[in-house]
Amino acid sequence: MQFVRSEVYKGPFDAFCKISQQEGFFRLWRGTNASLLLAVPTVGIYMPCYDVFRDWLEDFSRKNAPEFTPYAPSVAGAMARALACITCSPIELAKTRMQAQKFLHAGMTPPGMWETLVGVLLSVKNKSTGKDFQGFQVLWTGAGTQLARDVPFSAICWVTLEPLRRHLLGLVESEANALSILGANFSAGIIAGGVAAAVTCPLDVAKTRRQTEKDPIKAIKTSTRKTLVEIWRDGGVRGLFTGVVPRVIRAGPSVGIVVSFYELVKYMLHQADAS
């Protein structure tokens, strides 16, 4: 089996058309199983931990340093995201590689998530010179870059989202219901997710480049800063913000959906417990 990195596309629509023509329409859903497998543990760790960290930090700051209370959501989001990223990094690696690789042999099924991860491990073993080079550490390739992207993303997202949704919910506080909670959280999530995605786009580009690097030894040894410098040298500002439009389009609604349904479930459980 042979894989090559996908060609450079002129934009989202150009990528959509070329991938559909060259590899088939359903190739656009490549990596969906890894994405679904990634979403469950990530959200399961991320959202409850965020609630716990935020409540603790807000309570602590009100008693000891009130001026820092508005920043509690930002710190809580960063902490929760770091924990979720480290835990789920191997699945993120598999998803990124599955989406970035182009299968050259027609009529053959491309490897799935587990085969992709096994292939990563075998590539390290084949390149090693008798020593146990890095071992399973390769499965966390790009984790540092992912943290450098996702931690600021979450910090920006939550410090933007919390004031927005509290303001929106405050407008209907006396008449709060499932629909208003869903709408307020979804609206705030779309805005906050879009802003955070745009600001952290260069870090997302760096993460993708590191995780799709064919040489696993180079991928492990290359730092996030060095990757960003290489991207800047190759493409300047445009290179750093490659794919910013589809990233914003995807991130905004994604944050809105996750946050709104999470809060809706919390509201329904609270109502059921109170009745």
Protein backbone atom coordinates (compact mmCIF):
# COMPACT_ATOMS: atom_id res chain seq x y z
CA MET A 1 0.00 0.00 0.00
CA GLN A 2 1.23 3.47 -0.79
CA PHE A 3 -0.04 6.77 0.46
CA VAL A 4 0.88 10.31 -0.47
CA ARG A 5 -0.02 13.60 1.10
CA SER A 6 -2.89 15.37 -0.55
CA GLU A 7 -2.07 18.08 -3.10
CA VAL A 8 -2.36 21.76 -2.30
CA TYR A 9 -5.82 23.14 -2.99
CA LYS A 10 -6.80 26.69 -3.90
CA GLY A 11 -9.68 26.78 -1.45
CA PRO A 12 -12.50 24.78 0.19
CA PHE A 13 -14.57 24.51 -3.00
CA ASP A 14 -11.54 23.51 -5.08
CA ALA A 15 -10.66 20.81 -2.51
CA PHE A 16 -14.28 19.58 -2.48
CA CYS A 17 -14.37 19.23 -6.27
CA LYS A 18 -10.93 17.63 -6.72
CA ILE A 19 -11.32 15.11 -3.90
CA SER A 20 -14.76 14.10 -5.21
CA GLN A 21 -13.48 13.68 -8.76
CA GLN A 22 -10.19 11.95 -7.99
CA GLU A 23 -11.07 9.79 -5.00
CA GLY A 24 -14.85 9.60 -4.92
CA PHE A 25 -17.58 11.58 -3.19
CA PHE A 26 -17.58 9.47 -0.02
CA ARG A 27 -13.84 10.15 0.45
CA LEU A 28 -15.03 13.46 1.98
CA TRP A 29 -16.19 11.44 4.99
CA ARG A 30 -12.80 9.73 5.44
CA GLY A 31 -11.95 9.49 9.14
CA THR A 32 -15.54 9.79 10.34
CA ASN A 33 -15.27 6.69 12.53
CA ALA A 34 -12.20 8.14 14.25
CA SER A 35 -13.97 11.49 14.62
CA LEU A 36 -16.95 9.85 16.30
CA LEU A 37 -14.74 7.74 18.54
CA LEU A 38 -12.79 10.89 19.41
CA ALA A 39 -15.86 13.00 20.16
CA VAL A 40 -17.35 10.80 22.88
CA PRO A 41 -14.40 10.64 25.30
CA THR A 42 -13.29 14.18 24.49
CA VAL A 43 -16.67 15.74 25.32
CA GLY A 44 -17.14 13.32 28.22
CA ILE A 45 -13.90 14.54 29.79
CA TYR A 46 -13.94 18.13 28.60
CA MET A 47 -17.38 19.47 29.50
CA PRO A 48 -17.82 18.00 33.02
CA CYS A 49 -14.24 18.93 33.94
CA TYR A 50 -14.83 22.46 32.67
CA ASP A 51 -17.89 22.82 34.91
CA VAL A 52 -15.98 21.54 37.95
CA PHE A 53 -12.90 23.71 37.31
CA ARG A 54 -14.97 26.83 36.52
CA ASP A 55 -17.13 26.57 39.64
CA TRP A 56 -14.09 25.97 41.85
CA LEU A 57 -12.07 28.82 40.30
CA GLU A 58 -14.96 31.29 40.44
CA ASP A 59 -15.65 30.43 44.07
CA PHE A 60 -11.94 30.70 44.95
CA SER A 61 -11.43 34.00 43.11
CA ARG A 62 -14.52 35.64 44.64
CA LYS A 63 -13.16 34.93 48.11
CA ASN A 64 -9.50 35.74 47.45
CA ALA A 65 -9.08 37.82 44.26
CA PRO A 66 -12.40 39.16 42.90
CA GLU A 67 -10.69 40.96 40.02
CA PHE A 68 -9.74 37.60 38.50
CA THR A 69 -13.25 36.10 38.59
CA PRO A 70 -14.07 37.06 34.94
CA TYR A 71 -11.06 35.04 33.81
CA ALA A 72 -12.08 31.84 35.61
CA PRO A 73 -13.88 30.41 32.52
CA SER A 74 -10.76 30.95 30.43
CA VAL A 75 -8.46 29.13 32.87
CA ALA A 76 -11.01 26.36 33.46
CA GLY A 77 -11.46 25.82 29.73
CA ALA A 78 -7.70 25.61 29.19
CA MET A 79 -7.25 23.09 32.02
CA ALA A 80 -10.15 20.87 30.91
CA ARG A 81 -9.05 20.94 27.28
CA ALA A 82 -5.47 20.03 28.17
CA LEU A 83 -6.69 16.98 30.07
CA ALA A 84 -8.95 15.88 27.20
CA CYS A 85 -6.27 16.43 24.54
CA ILE A 86 -3.60 14.39 26.31
CA THR A 87 -6.03 11.54 26.89
CA CYS A 88 -7.35 11.37 23.33
CA SER A 89 -4.27 12.39 21.32
CA PRO A 90 -3.69 8.98 19.63
CA ILE A 91 -7.21 9.00 18.20
CA GLU A 92 -6.68 12.57 16.97
CA LEU A 93 -3.47 11.42 15.27
CA ALA A 94 -5.29 8.58 13.49
CA LYS A 95 -8.09 10.89 12.37
CA THR A 96 -5.68 13.48 10.96
CA ARG A 97 -3.65 10.89 9.04
CA MET A 98 -6.74 9.18 7.65
CA GLN A 99 -8.07 12.49 6.35
CA ALA A 100 -4.74 13.69 4.93
CA GLN A 101 -3.64 10.56 3.08
CA LYS A 102 -4.51 9.84 -0.52
CA PHE A 103 -4.98 6.19 -1.44
CA LEU A 104 -3.40 5.29 -4.75
CA HIS A 105 -4.69 1.76 -5.43
CA ALA A 106 -8.19 1.75 -6.84
CA GLY A 107 -10.50 -0.99 -5.70
CA MET A 108 -8.76 -1.51 -2.36
CA THR A 109 -10.11 -0.41 1.02
CA PRO A 110 -7.93 2.19 2.78
CA PRO A 111 -6.80 1.27 6.31
CA GLY A 112 -9.10 2.13 9.21
CA MET A 113 -8.27 3.83 12.47
CA TRP A 114 -6.62 0.89 14.21
CA GLU A 115 -4.63 -0.07 11.11
CA THR A 116 -3.46 3.54 10.82
CA LEU A 117 -2.18 3.56 14.41
CA VAL A 118 -0.46 0.19 13.95
CA GLY A 119 1.17 1.55 10.79
CA VAL A 120 2.51 4.52 12.75
CA LEU A 121 4.06 2.19 15.33
CA LEU A 122 5.55 -0.08 12.66
CA SER A 123 7.09 2.89 10.82
CA VAL A 124 8.99 3.80 13.97
CA LYS A 125 10.15 0.21 14.46
CA ASN A 126 11.37 -0.01 10.87
CA LYS A 127 13.36 3.21 11.17
CA SER A 128 14.92 2.36 14.51
CA THR A 129 18.48 1.04 14.61
CA GLY A 130 18.15 -1.72 17.15
CA LYS A 131 17.10 0.64 19.91
CA ASP A 132 13.61 1.03 21.30
CA PHE A 133 13.20 4.47 19.76
CA GLN A 134 10.55 6.43 21.59
CA GLY A 135 8.16 3.44 21.73
CA PHE A 136 4.53 4.37 22.06
CA GLN A 137 5.44 8.03 22.35
CA VAL A 138 4.95 8.27 18.59
CA LEU A 139 1.19 7.91 19.15
CA TRP A 140 1.34 11.31 20.83
CA THR A 141 3.04 12.91 17.82
CA GLY A 142 1.73 16.44 17.52
CA ALA A 143 0.24 16.40 21.01
CA GLY A 144 2.32 19.42 21.96
CA THR A 145 1.13 21.27 18.88
CA GLN A 146 -2.43 20.16 19.57
CA LEU A 147 -2.17 21.49 23.12
CA ALA A 148 -0.70 24.72 21.76
CA ARG A 149 -3.77 24.99 19.53
CA ASP A 150 -6.59 23.64 21.69
CA VAL A 151 -5.65 25.21 25.04
CA PRO A 152 -5.68 28.80 23.64
CA PHE A 153 -8.78 27.87 21.60
CA SER A 154 -10.64 26.83 24.74
CA ALA A 155 -9.39 29.81 26.73
CA ILE A 156 -10.58 32.26 24.05
CA CYS A 157 -13.80 30.32 23.45
CA TRP A 158 -14.96 30.19 27.07
CA VAL A 159 -13.98 33.73 28.02
CA THR A 160 -16.10 34.83 25.04
CA LEU A 161 -18.93 32.33 25.46
CA GLU A 162 -19.71 32.71 29.18
CA PRO A 163 -20.54 36.45 29.17
CA LEU A 164 -22.55 36.06 25.98
CA ARG A 165 -24.73 33.20 27.17
CA ARG A 166 -25.20 34.71 30.64
CA HIS A 167 -26.37 37.92 28.99
CA LEU A 168 -28.75 36.05 26.68
CA LEU A 169 -30.10 33.88 29.48
CA GLY A 170 -30.50 36.97 31.65
CA LEU A 171 -32.93 38.39 29.09
CA VAL A 172 -35.32 35.45 29.66
CA GLU A 173 -34.38 34.51 33.22
CA SER A 174 -37.93 34.54 34.57
CA GLU A 175 -39.19 32.53 31.57
CA ALA A 176 -36.25 30.19 31.07
CA ASN A 177 -37.15 26.92 29.41
CA ALA A 178 -35.51 24.23 27.35
CA LEU A 179 -35.85 26.22 24.12
CA SER A 180 -34.33 29.41 25.54
CA ILE A 181 -31.43 27.49 27.08
CA LEU A 182 -30.82 25.72 23.77
CA GLY A 183 -30.98 28.98 21.80
CA ALA A 184 -28.80 31.05 24.13
CA ASN A 185 -26.06 28.43 24.34
CA PHE A 186 -26.12 27.69 20.63
CA SER A 187 -25.91 31.38 19.67
CA ALA A 188 -23.10 32.09 22.11
CA GLY A 189 -21.29 28.93 21.04
CA ILE A 190 -21.34 29.79 17.34
CA ILE A 191 -19.83 33.23 17.95
CA ALA A 192 -17.25 32.09 20.51
CA GLY A 193 -16.22 29.03 18.48
CA GLY A 194 -15.79 31.05 15.29
CA VAL A 195 -13.65 33.70 16.99
CA ALA A 196 -11.45 31.11 18.72
CA ALA A 197 -11.03 29.10 15.50
CA ALA A 198 -9.91 32.12 13.50
CA VAL A 199 -7.36 33.24 16.12
CA THR A 200 -5.81 29.78 16.56
CA CYS A 201 -5.80 28.76 12.87
CA PRO A 202 -1.96 28.94 12.50
CA LEU A 203 -1.60 26.44 15.34
CA ASP A 204 -4.08 24.11 13.63
CA VAL A 205 -2.05 24.28 10.42
CA ALA A 206 1.10 23.44 12.40
CA LYS A 207 -0.62 20.49 14.12
CA THR A 208 -1.77 19.05 10.81
CA ARG A 209 1.67 19.38 9.27
CA ARG A 210 3.33 17.62 12.18
CA GLN A 211 0.82 14.79 12.34
CA THR A 212 1.03 14.12 8.58
CA GLU A 213 4.83 14.10 8.54
CA LYS A 214 5.96 10.82 6.91
CA ASP A 215 9.17 10.53 8.94
CA PRO A 216 8.07 9.68 12.54
CA ILE A 217 11.47 10.54 14.00
CA LYS A 218 11.42 13.99 12.44
CA ALA A 219 7.79 14.45 13.56
CA ILE A 220 8.71 13.74 17.18
CA LYS A 221 11.82 15.96 17.19
CA THR A 222 10.30 18.95 15.39
CA SER A 223 8.90 21.61 17.73
CA THR A 224 5.73 23.63 17.24
CA ARG A 225 7.74 26.84 16.96
CA LYS A 226 9.97 25.37 14.25
CA THR A 227 6.94 24.12 12.34
CA LEU A 228 5.33 27.57 12.45
CA VAL A 229 8.57 29.14 11.20
CA GLU A 230 8.66 26.67 8.29
CA ILE A 231 5.05 27.45 7.39
CA TRP A 232 5.77 31.19 7.54
CA ARG A 233 8.84 30.75 5.33
CA ASP A 234 6.93 28.66 2.77
CA GLY A 235 3.68 30.60 2.61
CA GLY A 236 3.76 33.70 4.81
CA VAL A 237 0.54 34.88 6.46
CA ARG A 238 -1.53 33.08 3.85
CA GLY A 239 0.19 29.81 4.72
CA LEU A 240 -0.45 30.26 8.43
CA PHE A 241 -4.15 30.83 7.80
CA THR A 242 -4.63 28.05 5.26
CA GLY A 243 -8.16 26.67 5.64
CA VAL A 244 -9.31 29.39 8.05
CA VAL A 245 -12.73 29.72 6.38
CA PRO A 246 -13.77 26.03 6.60
CA ARG A 247 -12.26 25.86 10.09
CA VAL A 248 -14.41 28.77 11.29
CA ILE A 249 -17.48 27.40 9.50
CA ARG A 250 -16.99 24.03 11.20
CA ALA A 251 -15.87 25.18 14.66
CA GLY A 252 -18.65 27.71 15.30
CA PRO A 253 -21.61 25.35 14.85
CA SER A 254 -19.67 22.49 16.47
CA VAL A 255 -19.13 24.46 19.67
CA GLY A 256 -22.73 25.67 19.57
CA ILE A 257 -24.13 22.15 19.18
CA VAL A 258 -21.95 20.58 21.89
CA VAL A 259 -22.50 23.32 24.47
CA SER A 260 -26.22 23.77 23.83
CA PHE A 261 -27.10 20.07 24.01
CA TYR A 262 -24.85 19.54 27.02
CA GLU A 263 -26.61 22.38 28.86
CA LEU A 264 -30.00 21.13 27.68
CA VAL A 265 -29.33 17.67 29.13
CA LYS A 266 -28.22 19.28 32.41
CA TYR A 267 -31.41 21.36 32.49
CA MET A 268 -33.65 18.35 31.82
CA LEU A 269 -31.91 16.27 34.49
CA HIS A 270 -32.28 19.11 36.96
CA GLN A 271 -35.97 19.45 36.14
CA ALA A 272 -36.51 15.72 36.51
CA ASP A 273 -34.68 15.71 39.85
CA ALA A 274 -36.73 18.66 41.13
CA SER A 275 -40.08 17.11 40.18
